[in-house]
Protein backbone atom coordinates (compact mmCIF):
# COMPACT_ATOMS: atom_id res chain seq x y z
CA ASN A 1 0.02 0.02 -0.08
CA GLU A 2 0.95 3.68 -0.15
CA TYR A 3 2.34 3.70 3.45
CA LYS A 4 4.70 0.76 2.77
CA SER A 5 5.75 2.27 -0.53
CA TYR A 6 6.71 5.47 1.29
CA LEU A 7 8.63 3.50 3.94
CA ARG A 8 10.57 1.55 1.23
CA MET A 9 11.42 4.93 -0.42
CA MET A 10 12.67 6.32 2.97
CA CYS A 11 14.68 3.08 3.57
CA SER A 12 16.65 3.35 0.34
CA SER A 13 20.31 2.68 -0.06
CA SER A 14 21.23 6.32 0.47
CA ARG A 15 20.83 5.94 4.19
CA SER A 16 23.37 7.66 6.56
CA GLU A 17 26.03 6.06 8.65
CA ALA A 18 24.99 4.41 11.81
CA ALA A 19 25.36 6.47 14.93
CA ASP A 20 28.12 5.63 17.41
CA VAL A 21 25.93 4.91 20.46
CA GLN A 22 29.01 4.98 22.80
CA LYS A 23 29.66 8.50 21.74
CA ILE A 24 26.05 9.54 22.35
CA PHE A 25 26.52 8.47 26.00
CA MET A 26 29.41 10.95 26.18
CA LYS A 27 27.17 13.90 25.37
CA ARG A 28 24.95 13.68 28.43
CA ARG A 29 22.97 11.25 30.56
CA LEU A 30 20.57 9.95 28.05
CA ARG A 31 16.78 10.27 27.94
CA VAL A 32 15.49 7.03 26.30
CA CYS A 33 12.10 5.91 25.07
CA ALA A 34 11.37 2.25 26.09
CA PRO A 35 10.38 -0.48 23.79
CA MET A 36 6.51 -0.75 24.03
CA VAL A 37 4.34 -3.39 22.32
CA ARG A 38 1.92 -1.63 19.93
CA TYR A 39 3.27 1.87 20.72
CA SER A 40 6.89 2.09 19.76
CA THR A 41 6.01 2.69 16.14
CA LEU A 42 7.92 4.98 13.76
CA PRO A 43 5.46 7.79 14.14
CA PHE A 44 5.64 7.82 17.93
CA ARG A 45 9.41 7.55 17.86
CA ARG A 46 9.52 10.52 15.60
CA LEU A 47 7.31 12.49 18.04
CA VAL A 48 9.31 11.87 21.19
CA LYS A 49 12.47 12.84 19.42
CA MET A 50 11.06 16.22 18.89
CA TYR A 51 10.91 16.65 22.66
CA ASP A 52 14.29 15.89 23.84
CA CYS A 53 14.44 12.14 23.68
CA ASP A 54 17.90 10.97 22.71
CA LEU A 55 17.46 7.42 21.88
CA THR A 56 14.41 5.18 20.90
CA PHE A 57 13.76 1.46 20.70
CA THR A 58 11.46 -0.51 18.56
CA HIS A 59 8.97 -2.74 20.24
CA MET A 60 10.00 -6.27 21.06
CA ILE A 61 10.38 -8.26 17.83
CA LEU A 62 10.47 -12.09 17.91
CA SER A 63 13.83 -12.93 16.39
CA ASP A 64 12.97 -16.30 15.03
CA CYS A 65 9.98 -15.00 12.93
CA PHE A 66 11.99 -12.02 11.83
CA SER A 67 14.96 -14.00 10.59
CA LYS A 68 12.83 -16.59 8.72
CA ALA A 69 10.24 -14.47 6.78
CA GLN A 70 10.32 -11.25 4.72
CA GLN A 71 6.58 -10.81 5.44
CA ALA A 72 7.41 -10.63 9.19
CA ARG A 73 10.22 -8.17 8.53
CA ASP A 74 7.87 -5.93 6.58
CA ALA A 75 5.27 -6.07 9.30
CA GLU A 76 7.50 -5.61 12.28
CA PHE A 77 10.08 -2.97 11.30
CA GLN A 78 9.72 0.43 9.59
CA PHE A 79 12.26 3.28 9.91
CA CYS A 80 13.40 6.52 8.17
CA GLU A 81 16.58 8.52 8.44
CA SER A 82 15.16 11.04 11.03
CA ASP A 83 14.25 8.05 13.15
CA ARG A 84 17.95 7.65 14.19
CA PRO A 85 19.51 6.81 16.58
CA LEU A 86 17.36 3.73 16.94
CA ILE A 87 17.86 0.30 18.64
CA ALA A 88 15.96 -2.69 17.40
CA GLN A 89 14.90 -4.92 20.28
CA PHE A 90 14.62 -8.71 19.82
CA ALA A 91 13.35 -11.57 21.91
CA ALA A 92 15.39 -14.78 21.58
CA ASN A 93 16.27 -17.80 23.70
CA ASN A 94 19.11 -19.04 21.55
CA PRO A 95 22.23 -17.49 19.93
CA ASN A 96 21.32 -18.51 16.37
CA ASP A 97 18.01 -16.66 16.23
CA PHE A 98 19.39 -13.47 17.82
CA ARG A 99 22.48 -13.46 15.70
CA LYS A 100 20.57 -13.91 12.42
CA ALA A 101 18.06 -11.29 13.26
CA ALA A 102 20.77 -8.79 14.31
CA SER A 103 22.68 -9.33 11.13
CA LEU A 104 19.61 -8.74 8.96
CA ILE A 105 18.54 -5.52 10.67
CA ALA A 106 22.09 -4.09 11.36
CA PRO A 107 22.27 -2.04 8.18
CA PHE A 108 19.20 -0.07 9.18
CA VAL A 109 19.59 0.65 12.86
CA ASP A 110 22.26 1.88 15.28
CA GLY A 111 22.21 -1.15 17.55
CA VAL A 112 20.26 -4.22 18.68
CA ASP A 113 18.93 -5.19 22.16
CA LEU A 114 18.14 -8.51 23.72
CA ASN A 115 14.92 -8.43 25.67
CA CYS A 116 15.37 -10.11 29.01
CA GLY A 117 12.79 -7.98 30.80
CA CYS A 118 9.36 -8.84 29.47
CA PRO A 119 7.29 -10.30 32.34
CA GLN A 120 4.16 -11.36 30.39
CA LYS A 121 3.09 -14.89 30.86
CA TRP A 122 3.07 -15.77 27.09
CA ALA A 123 6.77 -14.71 26.93
CA ILE A 124 7.75 -16.69 30.03
CA LYS A 125 6.05 -19.75 28.57
CA GLU A 126 8.05 -19.33 25.43
CA GLY A 127 11.28 -19.16 27.41
CA ILE A 128 11.93 -15.52 26.44
CA GLY A 129 11.99 -12.19 28.34
CA ALA A 130 12.42 -11.83 32.06
CA CYS A 131 12.70 -15.56 32.80
CA MET A 132 16.13 -15.53 31.06
CA CYS A 133 17.62 -13.42 33.94
CA SER A 134 17.93 -16.55 35.93
CA ASN A 135 20.15 -17.98 33.25
CA PRO A 136 23.30 -15.74 32.85
CA ASP A 137 25.11 -18.37 30.83
CA LEU A 138 22.45 -18.40 28.12
CA ILE A 139 22.43 -14.64 27.90
CA HIS A 140 26.17 -14.63 27.73
CA SER A 141 26.22 -17.11 24.93
CA ILE A 142 23.49 -15.14 22.91
CA VAL A 143 25.41 -11.83 23.27
CA SER A 144 28.88 -13.30 22.72
CA SER A 145 27.71 -15.12 19.50
CA CYS A 146 26.23 -11.96 18.12
CA ARG A 147 29.31 -10.03 19.07
CA SER A 148 31.61 -12.50 17.27
CA GLU A 149 29.59 -11.97 14.03
CA ASN A 150 29.06 -8.21 14.45
CA PRO A 151 32.19 -6.81 16.05
CA ASP A 152 31.21 -3.17 15.50
CA LEU A 153 27.62 -3.32 16.18
CA CYS A 154 26.08 -1.76 19.33
CA ILE A 155 24.66 -4.72 21.29
CA SER A 156 22.67 -4.11 24.53
CA VAL A 157 20.56 -6.11 26.97
CA LYS A 158 17.52 -5.08 28.99
CA ILE A 159 17.01 -6.99 32.16
CA ARG A 160 14.94 -6.88 35.42
CA VAL A 161 16.59 -7.05 38.85
CA LEU A 162 16.53 -10.41 40.67
CA ASN A 163 15.53 -10.75 44.25
CA SER A 164 19.19 -11.21 45.15
CA LEU A 165 21.40 -8.28 44.63
CA GLU A 166 24.35 -10.58 44.50
CA ASP A 167 22.80 -12.57 41.66
CA THR A 168 21.77 -9.39 39.78
CA ILE A 169 25.29 -8.15 39.84
CA LYS A 170 26.59 -11.52 38.57
CA LEU A 171 24.11 -11.28 35.76
CA ALA A 172 25.22 -7.73 34.83
CA LYS A 173 28.89 -8.75 34.81
CA ALA A 174 28.08 -11.77 32.61
CA ILE A 175 26.43 -9.48 30.14
CA GLU A 176 29.44 -7.07 30.22
CA SER A 177 31.93 -9.89 29.68
CA ALA A 178 29.95 -11.16 26.68
CA GLY A 179 30.72 -7.90 24.93
CA ALA A 180 27.55 -5.83 25.50
CA THR A 181 27.87 -2.08 24.67
CA PHE A 182 25.45 -1.02 27.39
CA LEU A 183 22.86 -2.44 29.79
CA THR A 184 19.31 -1.28 30.63
CA VAL A 185 18.06 -2.29 34.14
CA HIS A 186 14.41 -2.32 35.07
CA GLY A 187 14.53 -1.77 38.84
CA ARG A 188 11.60 -4.17 39.62
CA THR A 189 11.62 -7.95 39.73
CA ILE A 190 9.44 -9.98 37.37
CA THR A 191 6.61 -10.13 39.99
CA GLU A 192 6.72 -6.55 41.30
CA ARG A 193 4.03 -4.10 40.03
CA ASN A 194 3.24 -0.64 41.07
CA VAL A 195 6.03 -0.23 43.67
CA ASP A 196 9.08 2.02 43.60
CA PRO A 197 11.98 0.46 41.67
CA ARG A 198 14.99 -0.82 43.62
CA TYR A 199 17.13 2.25 42.90
CA ASP A 200 19.89 0.85 45.26
CA TYR A 201 20.15 -2.28 43.08
CA VAL A 202 20.60 -0.20 39.98
CA ALA A 203 23.23 1.91 41.71
CA GLU A 204 25.16 -1.17 42.77
CA ILE A 205 25.03 -2.45 39.22
CA LYS A 206 26.42 0.81 37.90
CA ARG A 207 29.29 0.63 40.30
CA SER A 208 29.97 -3.03 39.50
CA VAL A 209 30.43 -2.68 35.73
CA SER A 210 32.27 -0.40 33.36
CA ILE A 211 29.77 -0.23 30.48
CA PRO A 212 26.99 2.42 30.56
CA VAL A 213 23.90 1.51 32.58
CA ILE A 214 20.41 2.90 31.82
CA HIS A 215 17.74 3.02 34.56
CA ASN A 216 14.20 1.96 33.79
CA GLY A 217 11.15 2.25 36.05
CA GLY A 218 9.24 4.86 38.12
CA VAL A 219 9.57 7.82 35.71
CA TYR A 220 6.21 9.58 35.13
CA LYS A 221 7.11 13.25 35.58
CA PRO A 222 10.12 15.43 34.73
CA SER A 223 11.26 15.48 38.42
CA ASP A 224 11.35 11.63 38.30
CA VAL A 225 14.08 11.84 35.70
CA GLU A 226 16.57 13.64 37.90
CA ARG A 227 15.43 11.65 40.95
CA ALA A 228 16.25 8.38 39.20
CA LEU A 229 19.59 9.71 37.90
CA ASP A 230 20.55 11.01 41.38
CA LYS A 231 19.58 7.80 43.11
CA THR A 232 21.29 5.42 40.78
CA GLY A 233 24.22 7.35 39.15
CA ALA A 234 23.04 5.78 35.94
CA ASP A 235 24.14 6.95 32.54
CA GLY A 236 20.60 7.50 31.34
CA VAL A 237 16.88 6.91 32.13
CA MET A 238 14.36 5.02 30.24
CA CYS A 239 10.69 5.80 30.27
CA ALA A 240 7.65 3.94 29.01
CA GLN A 241 4.15 4.83 30.35
CA GLY A 242 5.22 8.30 31.34
CA LEU A 243 6.10 9.04 27.66
CA LEU A 244 2.75 7.59 26.49
CA ASN A 245 0.94 9.95 28.84
CA ASN A 246 3.22 12.85 27.97
CA PRO A 247 5.63 12.58 24.95
CA ALA A 248 7.04 15.96 25.86
CA LEU A 249 8.12 14.67 29.42
CA PHE A 250 11.82 14.78 28.68
CA ALA A 251 11.50 18.41 27.53
CA GLY A 252 10.27 19.29 30.97
CA TYR A 253 6.50 19.54 30.47
CA GLU A 254 4.46 18.38 33.37
CA THR A 255 1.50 17.38 31.08
CA THR A 256 1.24 17.05 27.39
CA PRO A 257 1.28 20.47 25.70
CA LEU A 258 -1.34 21.11 22.93
CA GLN A 259 1.50 21.67 20.48
CA CYS A 260 2.63 18.15 21.19
CA VAL A 261 -0.95 16.90 20.37
CA GLN A 262 -0.84 18.90 17.12
CA ASP A 263 2.64 17.33 16.24
CA TRP A 264 1.13 13.88 16.83
CA VAL A 265 -1.92 14.55 14.53
CA ASN A 266 0.45 15.73 11.83
CA ILE A 267 3.00 12.95 12.14
CA ALA A 268 0.57 10.09 12.73
CA LEU A 269 -1.63 11.01 9.80
CA SER A 270 1.21 11.80 7.47
CA TYR A 271 2.39 8.23 8.00
CA GLY A 272 -1.01 6.67 7.67
CA THR A 273 -1.13 5.47 11.28
CA PRO A 274 -4.05 3.08 11.88
CA PHE A 275 -6.96 4.66 13.59
CA ILE A 276 -6.90 2.55 16.70
CA THR A 277 -3.21 3.40 17.41
CA PHE A 278 -3.87 7.06 16.42
CA LYS A 279 -6.64 7.38 18.92
CA HIS A 280 -5.02 5.38 21.74
CA HIS A 281 -2.21 7.74 21.77
CA LEU A 282 -4.56 10.75 21.94
CA VAL A 283 -6.39 9.09 24.88
CA PHE A 284 -3.10 8.80 26.76
CA MET A 285 -1.95 12.27 25.92
CA LEU A 286 -5.23 14.00 26.79
CA GLU A 287 -5.69 12.06 30.04
CA GLU A 288 -4.96 15.12 32.22
CA THR A 289 -6.54 17.72 29.80
CA LEU A 290 -9.98 16.30 29.22
CA PRO A 291 -12.71 16.78 31.90
CA LYS A 292 -14.36 13.52 33.02
CA HIS A 293 -17.55 14.11 30.97
CA GLU A 294 -15.47 15.03 27.91
CA LYS A 295 -13.36 11.79 28.23
CA ARG A 296 -16.64 9.79 27.70
CA VAL A 297 -17.39 11.85 24.61
CA PHE A 298 -13.93 11.35 23.16
CA ASN A 299 -13.71 7.68 23.97
CA ASN A 300 -16.91 7.16 21.86
CA LEU A 301 -15.46 8.78 18.75
CA SER A 302 -14.92 6.06 16.09
CA THR A 303 -13.48 7.66 13.01
CA TYR A 304 -10.60 9.91 11.91
CA THR A 305 -13.09 12.58 10.95
CA ALA A 306 -14.98 12.58 14.34
CA VAL A 307 -11.60 12.77 16.28
CA LEU A 308 -10.29 15.60 13.97
CA ASP A 309 -13.53 17.54 14.25
CA TYR A 310 -13.44 17.22 17.98
CA LEU A 311 -9.87 18.44 18.37
CA GLU A 312 -10.52 21.35 15.98
CA GLN A 313 -13.68 22.45 17.71
CA ASN A 314 -12.23 22.13 21.30
CA TYR A 315 -8.63 22.89 20.93
CA ASN A 316 -8.11 24.51 17.52
CA ILE A 317 -5.96 21.49 16.36
CA ALA A 318 -6.34 20.67 12.73
CA TYR A 319 -4.29 18.33 10.66
CA GLN A 320 -1.60 20.07 8.68
CA ASN A 321 -0.50 17.92 5.69
CA ILE A 322 3.17 18.40 6.36
CA MET A 323 5.53 15.43 6.30
CA PRO A 324 7.82 16.07 9.26
């Protein structure tokens, strides 16, 4: 379709050099958009980069499917040059799948990431995600195998803390020794929900390894960014739900500014974003703007036209056909 034709044009052989992610860490302590199923799409990645986000991730891609089928690659991955720097995140439970997927996608991204943090039951059943944190040897073999075949590629791993700080540090050191470029640590265990992250664990990991460490967890407001960095000493902070609610969070906005909503309308519609995704993002972004009775009205809107009419009538936001 027209959308995929545009993406193929943007992904032509005239692409730029990959960014040196290690040098990006030298500029400042990074602000990073987390990999999010359904939401870490090209249009949303473009949006957060307009608001002081340094680095973005794709959603978690299943490496075995990606490496075996062109159809899966077309469905799971889209990018353009202004989408850089970009990390592609893969789920894998063996070296072969991760290595193949990384080699295929390497020309189009600035790094690859191994997901060892997903706590969802289906992922655990498949032997991927957070359950892998209890098997440092497996993670080491996956990362080291990929490093052997891709000596210059940025390779990172995203983990969750374990109940034992000692075991978590051993895991981090195993990842470092395998050749990882940096490490992202979600400061909650696989079973913890809606509790403060274990900042002290992340701080100890940071002190125990020499590669950059990014903290993940508990960032919902601009003040949470500095709090997390101060408590952990990390080289960056990663945010998920906080950026869904407010894509301008890293730029210091307490709530989503209307200009950011305008930017989302322009970007999302220019890229042909599916309606459900387009509207879901608006629901998140307008959560603290819409009065309760207006939320019910907005939630019942079921077409692009209805949503755009509502935004124009209430907030003077109209689609501007400008490809960002």
